[in-house]
Amino acid sequence: AINWYQRAASNGYAHASNALGICYCRGMGVHLDLEKGYELQLKAAQDDCRIAQWNTAYNYLHGIGTKQDIKEGFNWTQKAARGGIAPAQCAMAKYYAEGKNDFEIDLLQAEKWYRLAVSSGSLDAMYQLGKAYESSLLQIDNPKEEAFLLYKKAAMRNHTLSYIALGDCYFDKNSKHYNPIESARWYEKIATI
């Protein structure tokens, strides 16, 4: 596979550069070389490969193969998020919800990014948005019901943290969904993983 990635990358195929960069960052089929991995992913990101933009953001945010640079990491996160990469959208939501990395808290922006990540299919975003509703971090009508629906949707697609949250919803005596048997079923599911 490395041979094919190298050939495709040398012919300008950005996704191959990104894949090759991942191989170097993880030492998969090649010697571990974080700097080379970063450079390949950066090249792919500059060539508009959305997932490479997210990988480049991660590299900057965590100092992988390059000097840690939170501002540059945010810029790449934002590009990837705008390009529809769900984990980047979820990261943007967390930045705004929690005031991470010198962000001012902006709950409207947080909700916008969580909803975009949910629409992109992110199970983590479903869970995080449910938590934000349940804790009243984001103000909506029927927050517990909306949280329940998000947890259930994510749990049905095997998001393990949502198993616990859904079990908690079923265990809540003040909930219209109170059902100790169903609660036990979801708790058992997490216990058998």
N, C-alpha and C. Protein backbone atom coordinates (compact mmCIF):
# COMPACT_ATOMS: atom_id res chain seq x y z
N ALA A 1 0.82 -1.20 0.00
CA ALA A 1 0.00 0.00 0.00
C ALA A 1 0.87 1.26 0.00
N ILE A 2 1.99 1.21 0.72
CA ILE A 2 2.87 2.38 0.82
C ILE A 2 3.34 2.80 -0.56
N ASN A 3 3.73 1.81 -1.37
CA ASN A 3 4.17 2.10 -2.74
C ASN A 3 3.11 2.86 -3.53
N TRP A 4 1.88 2.41 -3.42
CA TRP A 4 0.79 3.06 -4.16
C TRP A 4 0.53 4.46 -3.63
N TYR A 5 0.55 4.61 -2.31
CA TYR A 5 0.38 5.94 -1.72
C TYR A 5 1.48 6.89 -2.21
N GLN A 6 2.72 6.39 -2.23
CA GLN A 6 3.84 7.23 -2.67
C GLN A 6 3.68 7.64 -4.12
N ARG A 7 3.29 6.70 -4.96
CA ARG A 7 3.08 7.02 -6.38
C ARG A 7 1.97 8.05 -6.57
N ALA A 8 0.84 7.80 -5.91
CA ALA A 8 -0.30 8.71 -6.05
C ALA A 8 0.03 10.09 -5.48
N ALA A 9 0.72 10.11 -4.34
CA ALA A 9 1.10 11.39 -3.73
C ALA A 9 2.04 12.17 -4.63
N SER A 10 2.99 11.47 -5.26
CA SER A 10 3.94 12.16 -6.16
C SER A 10 3.25 12.67 -7.42
N ASN A 11 2.07 12.12 -7.72
CA ASN A 11 1.28 12.60 -8.86
C ASN A 11 0.26 13.67 -8.45
N GLY A 12 0.37 14.14 -7.20
CA GLY A 12 -0.47 15.24 -6.75
C GLY A 12 -1.81 14.85 -6.16
N TYR A 13 -2.02 13.57 -5.87
CA TYR A 13 -3.28 13.14 -5.28
C TYR A 13 -3.25 13.40 -3.78
N ALA A 14 -4.01 14.42 -3.34
CA ALA A 14 -3.95 14.90 -1.96
C ALA A 14 -4.34 13.83 -0.94
N HIS A 15 -5.34 13.03 -1.24
CA HIS A 15 -5.77 12.02 -0.29
C HIS A 15 -4.67 10.98 -0.05
N ALA A 16 -3.91 10.69 -1.09
CA ALA A 16 -2.78 9.76 -0.93
C ALA A 16 -1.69 10.38 -0.06
N SER A 17 -1.43 11.67 -0.22
CA SER A 17 -0.46 12.36 0.64
C SER A 17 -0.90 12.29 2.09
N ASN A 18 -2.18 12.51 2.32
CA ASN A 18 -2.71 12.43 3.68
C ASN A 18 -2.55 11.02 4.24
N ALA A 19 -2.93 10.01 3.45
CA ALA A 19 -2.82 8.62 3.91
C ALA A 19 -1.36 8.25 4.20
N LEU A 20 -0.47 8.69 3.33
CA LEU A 20 0.95 8.43 3.54
C LEU A 20 1.44 9.14 4.81
N GLY A 21 0.96 10.36 5.01
CA GLY A 21 1.30 11.10 6.23
C GLY A 21 0.86 10.36 7.48
N ILE A 22 -0.32 9.77 7.43
CA ILE A 22 -0.81 8.98 8.57
C ILE A 22 0.11 7.80 8.80
N CYS A 23 0.52 7.14 7.72
CA CYS A 23 1.44 5.99 7.86
C CYS A 23 2.73 6.41 8.55
N TYR A 24 3.29 7.55 8.17
CA TYR A 24 4.52 8.03 8.80
C TYR A 24 4.29 8.43 10.26
N CYS A 25 3.16 9.04 10.54
CA CYS A 25 2.88 9.45 11.92
C CYS A 25 2.67 8.25 12.84
N ARG A 26 2.23 7.13 12.28
CA ARG A 26 1.96 5.94 13.10
C ARG A 26 3.01 4.85 12.92
N GLY A 27 3.93 5.03 11.99
CA GLY A 27 4.92 4.00 11.73
C GLY A 27 4.31 2.74 11.12
N MET A 28 3.33 2.91 10.28
CA MET A 28 2.63 1.79 9.65
C MET A 28 3.23 1.54 8.26
N GLY A 29 4.03 0.48 8.13
CA GLY A 29 4.63 0.14 6.85
C GLY A 29 5.85 0.97 6.50
N VAL A 30 6.17 1.94 7.32
CA VAL A 30 7.34 2.80 7.16
C VAL A 30 7.89 3.09 8.55
N HIS A 31 9.12 3.62 8.60
CA HIS A 31 9.66 4.02 9.89
C HIS A 31 8.88 5.22 10.41
N LEU A 32 8.63 5.24 11.69
CA LEU A 32 7.95 6.36 12.32
C LEU A 32 8.74 7.64 12.05
N ASP A 33 8.07 8.63 11.47
CA ASP A 33 8.70 9.92 11.18
C ASP A 33 7.61 10.99 11.27
N LEU A 34 7.46 11.55 12.45
CA LEU A 34 6.38 12.51 12.70
C LEU A 34 6.51 13.76 11.83
N GLU A 35 7.74 14.23 11.63
CA GLU A 35 7.92 15.43 10.81
C GLU A 35 7.50 15.18 9.36
N LYS A 36 7.91 14.05 8.81
CA LYS A 36 7.52 13.73 7.43
C LYS A 36 6.00 13.54 7.34
N GLY A 37 5.43 12.89 8.34
CA GLY A 37 3.98 12.71 8.37
C GLY A 37 3.25 14.04 8.39
N TYR A 38 3.73 14.94 9.25
CA TYR A 38 3.14 16.28 9.32
C TYR A 38 3.25 16.99 7.97
N GLU A 39 4.43 16.96 7.36
CA GLU A 39 4.66 17.65 6.08
C GLU A 39 3.73 17.12 4.98
N LEU A 40 3.57 15.80 4.92
CA LEU A 40 2.69 15.21 3.91
C LEU A 40 1.23 15.61 4.16
N GLN A 41 0.82 15.61 5.41
CA GLN A 41 -0.56 16.00 5.72
C GLN A 41 -0.78 17.49 5.46
N LEU A 42 0.20 18.30 5.79
CA LEU A 42 0.10 19.74 5.52
C LEU A 42 -0.04 19.99 4.02
N LYS A 43 0.76 19.30 3.22
CA LYS A 43 0.68 19.45 1.76
C LYS A 43 -0.71 19.07 1.28
N ALA A 44 -1.24 17.97 1.77
CA ALA A 44 -2.59 17.54 1.38
C ALA A 44 -3.63 18.55 1.84
N ALA A 45 -3.46 19.10 3.04
CA ALA A 45 -4.40 20.11 3.56
C ALA A 45 -4.38 21.36 2.69
N GLN A 46 -3.19 21.77 2.29
CA GLN A 46 -3.06 22.95 1.42
C GLN A 46 -3.67 22.69 0.04
N ASP A 47 -3.72 21.41 -0.36
CA ASP A 47 -4.34 21.03 -1.63
C ASP A 47 -5.83 20.76 -1.47
N ASP A 48 -6.40 21.20 -0.34
CA ASP A 48 -7.84 21.18 -0.08
C ASP A 48 -8.42 19.81 0.27
N CYS A 49 -7.61 18.90 0.77
CA CYS A 49 -8.11 17.63 1.28
C CYS A 49 -8.66 17.90 2.68
N ARG A 50 -9.97 17.80 2.83
CA ARG A 50 -10.63 18.19 4.09
C ARG A 50 -10.15 17.39 5.29
N ILE A 51 -10.05 16.08 5.14
CA ILE A 51 -9.62 15.26 6.28
C ILE A 51 -8.16 15.57 6.63
N ALA A 52 -7.35 15.92 5.65
CA ALA A 52 -5.97 16.32 5.92
C ALA A 52 -5.95 17.65 6.68
N GLN A 53 -6.92 18.51 6.42
CA GLN A 53 -7.01 19.77 7.17
C GLN A 53 -7.25 19.47 8.65
N TRP A 54 -8.11 18.50 8.92
CA TRP A 54 -8.37 18.13 10.31
C TRP A 54 -7.13 17.49 10.93
N ASN A 55 -6.45 16.62 10.18
CA ASN A 55 -5.22 16.00 10.69
C ASN A 55 -4.15 17.06 10.95
N THR A 56 -4.05 18.04 10.07
CA THR A 56 -3.08 19.12 10.25
C THR A 56 -3.43 19.94 11.49
N ALA A 57 -4.72 20.21 11.68
CA ALA A 57 -5.16 20.92 12.88
C ALA A 57 -4.71 20.16 14.13
N TYR A 58 -4.96 18.85 14.12
CA TYR A 58 -4.59 18.01 15.25
C TYR A 58 -3.08 18.06 15.49
N ASN A 59 -2.32 18.00 14.42
CA ASN A 59 -0.86 18.07 14.54
C ASN A 59 -0.42 19.37 15.19
N TYR A 60 -0.99 20.49 14.75
CA TYR A 60 -0.64 21.78 15.35
C TYR A 60 -1.09 21.86 16.81
N LEU A 61 -2.30 21.41 17.08
CA LEU A 61 -2.84 21.51 18.43
C LEU A 61 -2.05 20.69 19.44
N HIS A 62 -1.48 19.57 18.97
CA HIS A 62 -0.77 18.67 19.88
C HIS A 62 0.74 18.64 19.65
N GLY A 63 1.23 19.45 18.73
CA GLY A 63 2.66 19.50 18.47
C GLY A 63 3.22 18.21 17.91
N ILE A 64 2.51 17.60 16.99
CA ILE A 64 2.94 16.33 16.39
C ILE A 64 3.65 16.62 15.06
N GLY A 65 4.95 16.40 15.04
CA GLY A 65 5.75 16.62 13.84
C GLY A 65 6.05 18.08 13.56
N THR A 66 5.54 18.94 14.39
CA THR A 66 5.74 20.38 14.25
C THR A 66 5.62 21.02 15.63
N LYS A 67 5.99 22.28 15.71
CA LYS A 67 5.86 23.01 16.97
C LYS A 67 4.36 23.22 17.25
N GLN A 68 3.98 23.06 18.50
CA GLN A 68 2.59 23.30 18.87
C GLN A 68 2.23 24.75 18.59
N ASP A 69 1.09 24.95 17.93
CA ASP A 69 0.63 26.29 17.58
C ASP A 69 -0.89 26.27 17.62
N ILE A 70 -1.45 26.70 18.74
CA ILE A 70 -2.89 26.66 18.96
C ILE A 70 -3.64 27.49 17.92
N LYS A 71 -3.13 28.67 17.61
CA LYS A 71 -3.81 29.53 16.64
C LYS A 71 -3.86 28.87 15.26
N GLU A 72 -2.75 28.32 14.82
CA GLU A 72 -2.71 27.64 13.52
C GLU A 72 -3.60 26.39 13.56
N GLY A 73 -3.59 25.69 14.68
CA GLY A 73 -4.46 24.52 14.85
C GLY A 73 -5.92 24.91 14.73
N PHE A 74 -6.29 26.02 15.35
CA PHE A 74 -7.67 26.49 15.23
C PHE A 74 -8.01 26.84 13.79
N ASN A 75 -7.10 27.53 13.09
CA ASN A 75 -7.37 27.90 11.70
C ASN A 75 -7.65 26.67 10.83
N TRP A 76 -6.85 25.62 11.02
CA TRP A 76 -7.07 24.39 10.25
C TRP A 76 -8.33 23.67 10.71
N THR A 77 -8.63 23.73 12.00
CA THR A 77 -9.86 23.12 12.51
C THR A 77 -11.07 23.79 11.85
N GLN A 78 -11.02 25.11 11.78
CA GLN A 78 -12.12 25.86 11.19
C GLN A 78 -12.29 25.53 9.70
N LYS A 79 -11.18 25.40 8.98
CA LYS A 79 -11.26 25.03 7.56
C LYS A 79 -11.88 23.65 7.40
N ALA A 80 -11.43 22.71 8.20
CA ALA A 80 -11.97 21.35 8.12
C ALA A 80 -13.44 21.32 8.50
N ALA A 81 -13.80 22.08 9.54
CA ALA A 81 -15.19 22.13 9.99
C ALA A 81 -16.09 22.72 8.90
N ARG A 82 -15.63 23.79 8.29
CA ARG A 82 -16.41 24.39 7.20
C ARG A 82 -16.53 23.45 6.00
N GLY A 83 -15.56 22.55 5.88
CA GLY A 83 -15.57 21.56 4.80
C GLY A 83 -16.41 20.34 5.12
N GLY A 84 -17.04 20.30 6.30
CA GLY A 84 -17.95 19.22 6.63
C GLY A 84 -17.34 18.07 7.40
N ILE A 85 -16.15 18.22 7.94
CA ILE A 85 -15.52 17.15 8.72
C ILE A 85 -16.11 17.18 10.14
N ALA A 86 -16.89 16.16 10.46
CA ALA A 86 -17.66 16.12 11.71
C ALA A 86 -16.80 16.27 12.97
N PRO A 87 -15.65 15.58 13.11
CA PRO A 87 -14.86 15.79 14.33
C PRO A 87 -14.37 17.24 14.47
N ALA A 88 -14.08 17.88 13.37
CA ALA A 88 -13.66 19.29 13.41
C ALA A 88 -14.85 20.17 13.82
N GLN A 89 -16.03 19.85 13.32
CA GLN A 89 -17.22 20.61 13.71
C GLN A 89 -17.49 20.45 15.20
N CYS A 90 -17.31 19.24 15.69
CA CYS A 90 -17.50 18.98 17.13
C CYS A 90 -16.45 19.74 17.94
N ALA A 91 -15.23 19.78 17.45
CA ALA A 91 -14.17 20.53 18.14
C ALA A 91 -14.51 22.01 18.19
N MET A 92 -15.02 22.55 17.09
CA MET A 92 -15.42 23.97 17.08
C MET A 92 -16.50 24.23 18.13
N ALA A 93 -17.46 23.30 18.21
CA ALA A 93 -18.53 23.45 19.20
C ALA A 93 -17.95 23.47 20.61
N LYS A 94 -17.00 22.58 20.88
CA LYS A 94 -16.39 22.53 22.22
C LYS A 94 -15.60 23.80 22.51
N TYR A 95 -14.91 24.33 21.49
CA TYR A 95 -14.18 25.58 21.70
C TYR A 95 -15.14 26.66 22.20
N TYR A 96 -16.26 26.79 21.50
CA TYR A 96 -17.22 27.85 21.85
C TYR A 96 -17.98 27.55 23.14
N ALA A 97 -18.32 26.28 23.38
CA ALA A 97 -19.09 25.94 24.57
C ALA A 97 -18.27 26.06 25.84
N GLU A 98 -16.99 25.70 25.77
CA GLU A 98 -16.16 25.65 26.96
C GLU A 98 -15.15 26.79 27.05
N GLY A 99 -15.09 27.64 26.03
CA GLY A 99 -14.11 28.71 26.04
C GLY A 99 -12.69 28.19 25.93
N LYS A 100 -12.51 27.08 25.19
CA LYS A 100 -11.20 26.47 25.05
C LYS A 100 -10.27 27.32 24.19
N ASN A 101 -8.97 27.20 24.46
CA ASN A 101 -7.92 27.82 23.65
C ASN A 101 -8.15 29.32 23.45
N ASP A 102 -8.42 30.01 24.54
CA ASP A 102 -8.62 31.46 24.53
C ASP A 102 -9.87 31.91 23.79
N PHE A 103 -10.80 31.01 23.56
CA PHE A 103 -12.07 31.38 22.95
C PHE A 103 -12.97 31.98 24.00
N GLU A 104 -13.74 32.95 23.59
CA GLU A 104 -14.80 33.43 24.47
C GLU A 104 -15.97 32.49 24.29
N ILE A 105 -16.65 32.20 25.39
CA ILE A 105 -17.81 31.32 25.31
C ILE A 105 -18.88 31.99 24.45
N ASP A 106 -19.39 31.25 23.49
CA ASP A 106 -20.45 31.72 22.60
C ASP A 106 -21.37 30.54 22.35
N LEU A 107 -22.43 30.46 23.15
CA LEU A 107 -23.29 29.28 23.12
C LEU A 107 -24.08 29.14 21.82
N LEU A 108 -24.38 30.25 21.16
CA LEU A 108 -25.06 30.15 19.87
C LEU A 108 -24.15 29.51 18.83
N GLN A 109 -22.88 29.89 18.84
CA GLN A 109 -21.91 29.28 17.93
C GLN A 109 -21.70 27.80 18.29
N ALA A 110 -21.65 27.52 19.58
CA ALA A 110 -21.48 26.13 20.02
C ALA A 110 -22.63 25.27 19.49
N GLU A 111 -23.85 25.75 19.68
CA GLU A 111 -25.00 24.97 19.21
C GLU A 111 -24.99 24.82 17.70
N LYS A 112 -24.63 25.88 16.99
CA LYS A 112 -24.55 25.81 15.52
C LYS A 112 -23.59 24.70 15.08
N TRP A 113 -22.40 24.68 15.70
CA TRP A 113 -21.40 23.68 15.30
C TRP A 113 -21.80 22.28 15.73
N TYR A 114 -22.42 22.15 16.92
CA TYR A 114 -22.90 20.82 17.32
C TYR A 114 -23.95 20.31 16.32
N ARG A 115 -24.87 21.18 15.95
CA ARG A 115 -25.93 20.76 15.01
C ARG A 115 -25.34 20.37 13.65
N LEU A 116 -24.34 21.12 13.19
CA LEU A 116 -23.69 20.76 11.93
C LEU A 116 -23.01 19.40 12.04
N ALA A 117 -22.36 19.16 13.17
CA ALA A 117 -21.69 17.87 13.37
C ALA A 117 -22.70 16.73 13.46
N VAL A 118 -23.84 16.98 14.11
CA VAL A 118 -24.91 15.98 14.17
C VAL A 118 -25.41 15.69 12.77
N SER A 119 -25.62 16.74 11.97
CA SER A 119 -26.11 16.53 10.60
C SER A 119 -25.07 15.84 9.73
N SER A 120 -23.79 15.91 10.13
CA SER A 120 -22.73 15.19 9.42
C SER A 120 -22.62 13.74 9.91
N GLY A 121 -23.44 13.39 10.90
CA GLY A 121 -23.48 12.02 11.39
C GLY A 121 -22.61 11.71 12.59
N SER A 122 -22.09 12.73 13.26
CA SER A 122 -21.20 12.50 14.39
C SER A 122 -21.98 12.01 15.62
N LEU A 123 -21.67 10.80 16.04
CA LEU A 123 -22.29 10.25 17.24
C LEU A 123 -21.81 10.99 18.48
N ASP A 124 -20.54 11.38 18.50
CA ASP A 124 -20.02 12.16 19.62
C ASP A 124 -20.75 13.49 19.74
N ALA A 125 -21.06 14.12 18.61
CA ALA A 125 -21.79 15.39 18.63
C ALA A 125 -23.20 15.19 19.17
N MET A 126 -23.83 14.08 18.82
CA MET A 126 -25.18 13.79 19.35
C MET A 126 -25.11 13.71 20.87
N TYR A 127 -24.11 12.99 21.35
CA TYR A 127 -23.94 12.84 22.79
C TYR A 127 -23.63 14.20 23.44
N GLN A 128 -22.66 14.93 22.89
CA GLN A 128 -22.26 16.22 23.47
C GLN A 128 -23.41 17.23 23.45
N LEU A 129 -24.16 17.27 22.36
CA LEU A 129 -25.30 18.19 22.28
C LEU A 129 -26.36 17.79 23.30
N GLY A 130 -26.59 16.48 23.44
CA GLY A 130 -27.51 16.00 24.46
C GLY A 130 -27.09 16.45 25.85
N LYS A 131 -25.80 16.33 26.15
CA LYS A 131 -25.28 16.77 27.45
C LYS A 131 -25.47 18.28 27.64
N ALA A 132 -25.23 19.03 26.57
CA ALA A 132 -25.39 20.49 26.65
C ALA A 132 -26.85 20.85 26.91
N TYR A 133 -27.79 20.13 26.30
CA TYR A 133 -29.21 20.38 26.54
C TYR A 133 -29.59 19.95 27.96
N GLU A 134 -29.16 18.76 28.35
CA GLU A 134 -29.54 18.21 29.65
C GLU A 134 -29.03 19.07 30.80
N SER A 135 -27.84 19.64 30.64
CA SER A 135 -27.26 20.47 31.70
C SER A 135 -27.73 21.92 31.64
N SER A 136 -28.60 22.22 30.66
CA SER A 136 -29.12 23.58 30.43
C SER A 136 -28.04 24.55 30.00
N LEU A 137 -26.93 24.03 29.49
CA LEU A 137 -25.90 24.89 28.92
C LEU A 137 -26.48 25.63 27.71
N LEU A 138 -27.24 24.90 26.91
CA LEU A 138 -27.94 25.49 25.77
C LEU A 138 -29.43 25.50 26.09
N GLN A 139 -30.05 26.64 25.93
CA GLN A 139 -31.44 26.82 26.32
C GLN A 139 -32.39 26.49 25.16
N ILE A 140 -33.22 25.48 25.35
CA ILE A 140 -34.25 25.12 24.37
C ILE A 140 -35.48 24.66 25.13
N ASP A 141 -36.61 24.55 24.43
CA ASP A 141 -37.80 23.97 25.02
C ASP A 141 -37.58 22.47 25.16
N ASN A 142 -38.04 21.88 26.23
CA ASN A 142 -37.93 20.43 26.48
C ASN A 142 -36.50 19.90 26.38
N PRO A 143 -35.57 20.48 27.10
CA PRO A 143 -34.17 20.04 26.95
C PRO A 143 -33.95 18.57 27.28
N LYS A 144 -34.64 18.07 28.31
CA LYS A 144 -34.44 16.65 28.67
C LYS A 144 -34.97 15.73 27.58
N GLU A 145 -36.06 16.09 26.96
CA GLU A 145 -36.61 15.27 25.87
C GLU A 145 -35.68 15.29 24.66
N GLU A 146 -35.16 16.46 24.33
CA GLU A 146 -34.23 16.56 23.20
C GLU A 146 -32.95 15.77 23.49
N ALA A 147 -32.46 15.86 24.73
CA ALA A 147 -31.27 15.09 25.11
C ALA A 147 -31.56 13.60 24.99
N PHE A 148 -32.71 13.16 25.49
CA PHE A 148 -33.09 11.75 25.40
C PHE A 148 -33.08 11.27 23.95
N LEU A 149 -33.68 12.04 23.07
CA LEU A 149 -33.74 11.65 21.65
C LEU A 149 -32.36 11.56 21.02
N LEU A 150 -31.48 12.50 21.36
CA LEU A 150 -30.11 12.46 20.84
C LEU A 150 -29.34 11.25 21.38
N TYR A 151 -29.46 11.00 22.69
CA TYR A 151 -28.79 9.84 23.29
C TYR A 151 -29.28 8.54 22.65
N LYS A 152 -30.60 8.46 22.47
CA LYS A 152 -31.17 7.23 21.91
C LYS A 152 -30.67 7.01 20.49
N LYS A 153 -30.65 8.07 19.71
CA LYS A 153 -30.18 7.95 18.32
C LYS A 153 -28.72 7.49 18.28
N ALA A 154 -27.89 8.08 19.13
CA ALA A 154 -26.47 7.70 19.16
C ALA A 154 -26.29 6.30 19.73
N ALA A 155 -27.04 5.96 20.77
CA ALA A 155 -26.92 4.64 21.39
C ALA A 155 -27.34 3.55 20.41
N MET A 156 -28.36 3.81 19.63
CA MET A 156 -28.82 2.83 18.65
C MET A 156 -27.76 2.57 17.58
N ARG A 157 -26.82 3.50 17.47
CA ARG A 157 -25.71 3.34 16.51
C ARG A 157 -24.41 2.99 17.24
N ASN A 158 -24.56 2.47 18.46
CA ASN A 158 -23.45 1.92 19.25
C ASN A 158 -22.45 2.93 19.79
N HIS A 159 -22.91 4.11 20.14
CA HIS A 159 -22.05 5.09 20.82
C HIS A 159 -22.10 4.76 22.31
N THR A 160 -21.00 4.26 22.84
CA THR A 160 -21.00 3.70 24.19
C THR A 160 -21.33 4.70 25.30
N LEU A 161 -20.84 5.93 25.21
CA LEU A 161 -21.19 6.92 26.25
C LEU A 161 -22.68 7.20 26.25
N SER A 162 -23.30 7.08 25.10
CA SER A 162 -24.75 7.30 25.01
C SER A 162 -25.52 6.17 25.68
N TYR A 163 -24.94 4.97 25.76
CA TYR A 163 -25.59 3.88 26.50
C TYR A 163 -25.84 4.32 27.94
N ILE A 164 -24.81 4.89 28.54
CA ILE A 164 -24.91 5.32 29.94
C ILE A 164 -25.93 6.45 30.07
N ALA A 165 -25.81 7.45 29.19
CA ALA A 165 -26.72 8.59 29.25
C ALA A 165 -28.17 8.15 29.05
N LEU A 166 -28.39 7.24 28.12
CA LEU A 166 -29.74 6.75 27.88
C LEU A 166 -30.23 5.95 29.08
N GLY A 167 -29.35 5.12 29.65
CA GLY A 167 -29.72 4.40 30.88
C GLY A 167 -30.10 5.35 31.99
N ASP A 168 -29.36 6.44 32.12
CA ASP A 168 -29.68 7.45 33.14
C ASP A 168 -31.05 8.09 32.88
N CYS A 169 -31.35 8.35 31.61
CA CYS A 169 -32.66 8.94 31.27
C CYS A 169 -33.79 7.99 31.67
N TYR A 170 -33.62 6.72 31.37
CA TYR A 170 -34.65 5.73 31.71
C TYR A 170 -34.76 5.53 33.23
N PHE A 171 -33.68 5.82 33.96
CA PHE A 171 -33.67 5.64 35.40
C PHE A 171 -34.23 6.85 36.16
N ASP A 172 -34.40 7.96 35.48
CA ASP A 172 -34.87 9.21 36.09
C ASP A 172 -36.37 9.11 36.37
N LYS A 173 -36.75 9.06 37.64
CA LYS A 173 -38.16 8.92 38.03
C LYS A 173 -39.01 10.12 37.61
N ASN A 174 -38.38 11.25 37.34
CA ASN A 174 -39.13 12.44 36.93
C ASN A 174 -39.31 12.51 35.42
N SER A 175 -38.82 11.52 34.72
CA SER A 175 -38.89 11.51 33.25
C SER A 175 -40.11 10.74 32.78
N LYS A 176 -40.70 11.20 31.68
CA LYS A 176 -41.81 10.44 31.09
C LYS A 176 -41.32 9.11 30.51
N HIS A 177 -40.01 8.96 30.39
CA HIS A 177 -39.42 7.74 29.85
C HIS A 177 -38.97 6.78 30.96
N TYR A 178 -39.32 7.10 32.21
CA TYR A 178 -38.88 6.26 33.34
C TYR A 178 -39.24 4.80 33.07
N ASN A 179 -38.19 3.96 33.12
CA ASN A 179 -38.38 2.54 32.87
C ASN A 179 -37.13 1.82 33.41
N PRO A 180 -37.18 1.34 34.65
CA PRO A 180 -36.00 0.72 35.26
C PRO A 180 -35.50 -0.51 34.49
N ILE A 181 -36.39 -1.23 33.86
CA ILE A 181 -35.97 -2.41 33.09
C ILE A 181 -35.17 -1.97 31.86
N GLU A 182 -35.66 -0.95 31.17
CA GLU A 182 -34.94 -0.44 30.01
C GLU A 182 -33.61 0.19 30.43
N SER A 183 -33.63 0.85 31.58
CA SER A 183 -32.40 1.44 32.12
C SER A 183 -31.36 0.34 32.35
N ALA A 184 -31.78 -0.74 33.00
CA ALA A 184 -30.87 -1.85 33.28
C ALA A 184 -30.32 -2.45 32.00
N ARG A 185 -31.16 -2.52 30.97
CA ARG A 185 -30.71 -3.07 29.68
C ARG A 185 -29.56 -2.26 29.11
N TRP A 186 -29.66 -0.91 29.18
CA TRP A 186 -28.60 -0.06 28.63
C TRP A 186 -27.35 -0.09 29.50
N TYR A 187 -27.54 -0.15 30.84
CA TYR A 187 -26.38 -0.27 31.73
C TYR A 187 -25.66 -1.61 31.50
N GLU A 188 -26.45 -2.67 31.31
CA GLU A 188 -25.86 -3.99 31.04
C GLU A 188 -25.06 -3.98 29.74
N LYS A 189 -25.59 -3.26 28.77
CA LYS A 189 -24.90 -3.18 27.47
C LYS A 189 -23.51 -2.58 27.63
N ILE A 190 -23.39 -1.53 28.43
CA ILE A 190 -22.09 -0.91 28.64
C ILE A 190 -21.18 -1.81 29.48
N ALA A 191 -21.78 -2.55 30.39
CA ALA A 191 -20.98 -3.42 31.26
C ALA A 191 -20.39 -4.61 30.51
N THR A 192 -20.99 -4.99 29.40
CA THR A 192 -20.51 -6.15 28.66
C THR A 192 -19.53 -5.81 27.54
N ILE A 193 -19.13 -4.57 27.49
CA ILE A 193 -18.17 -4.17 26.43
C ILE A 193 -16.77 -4.54 26.84
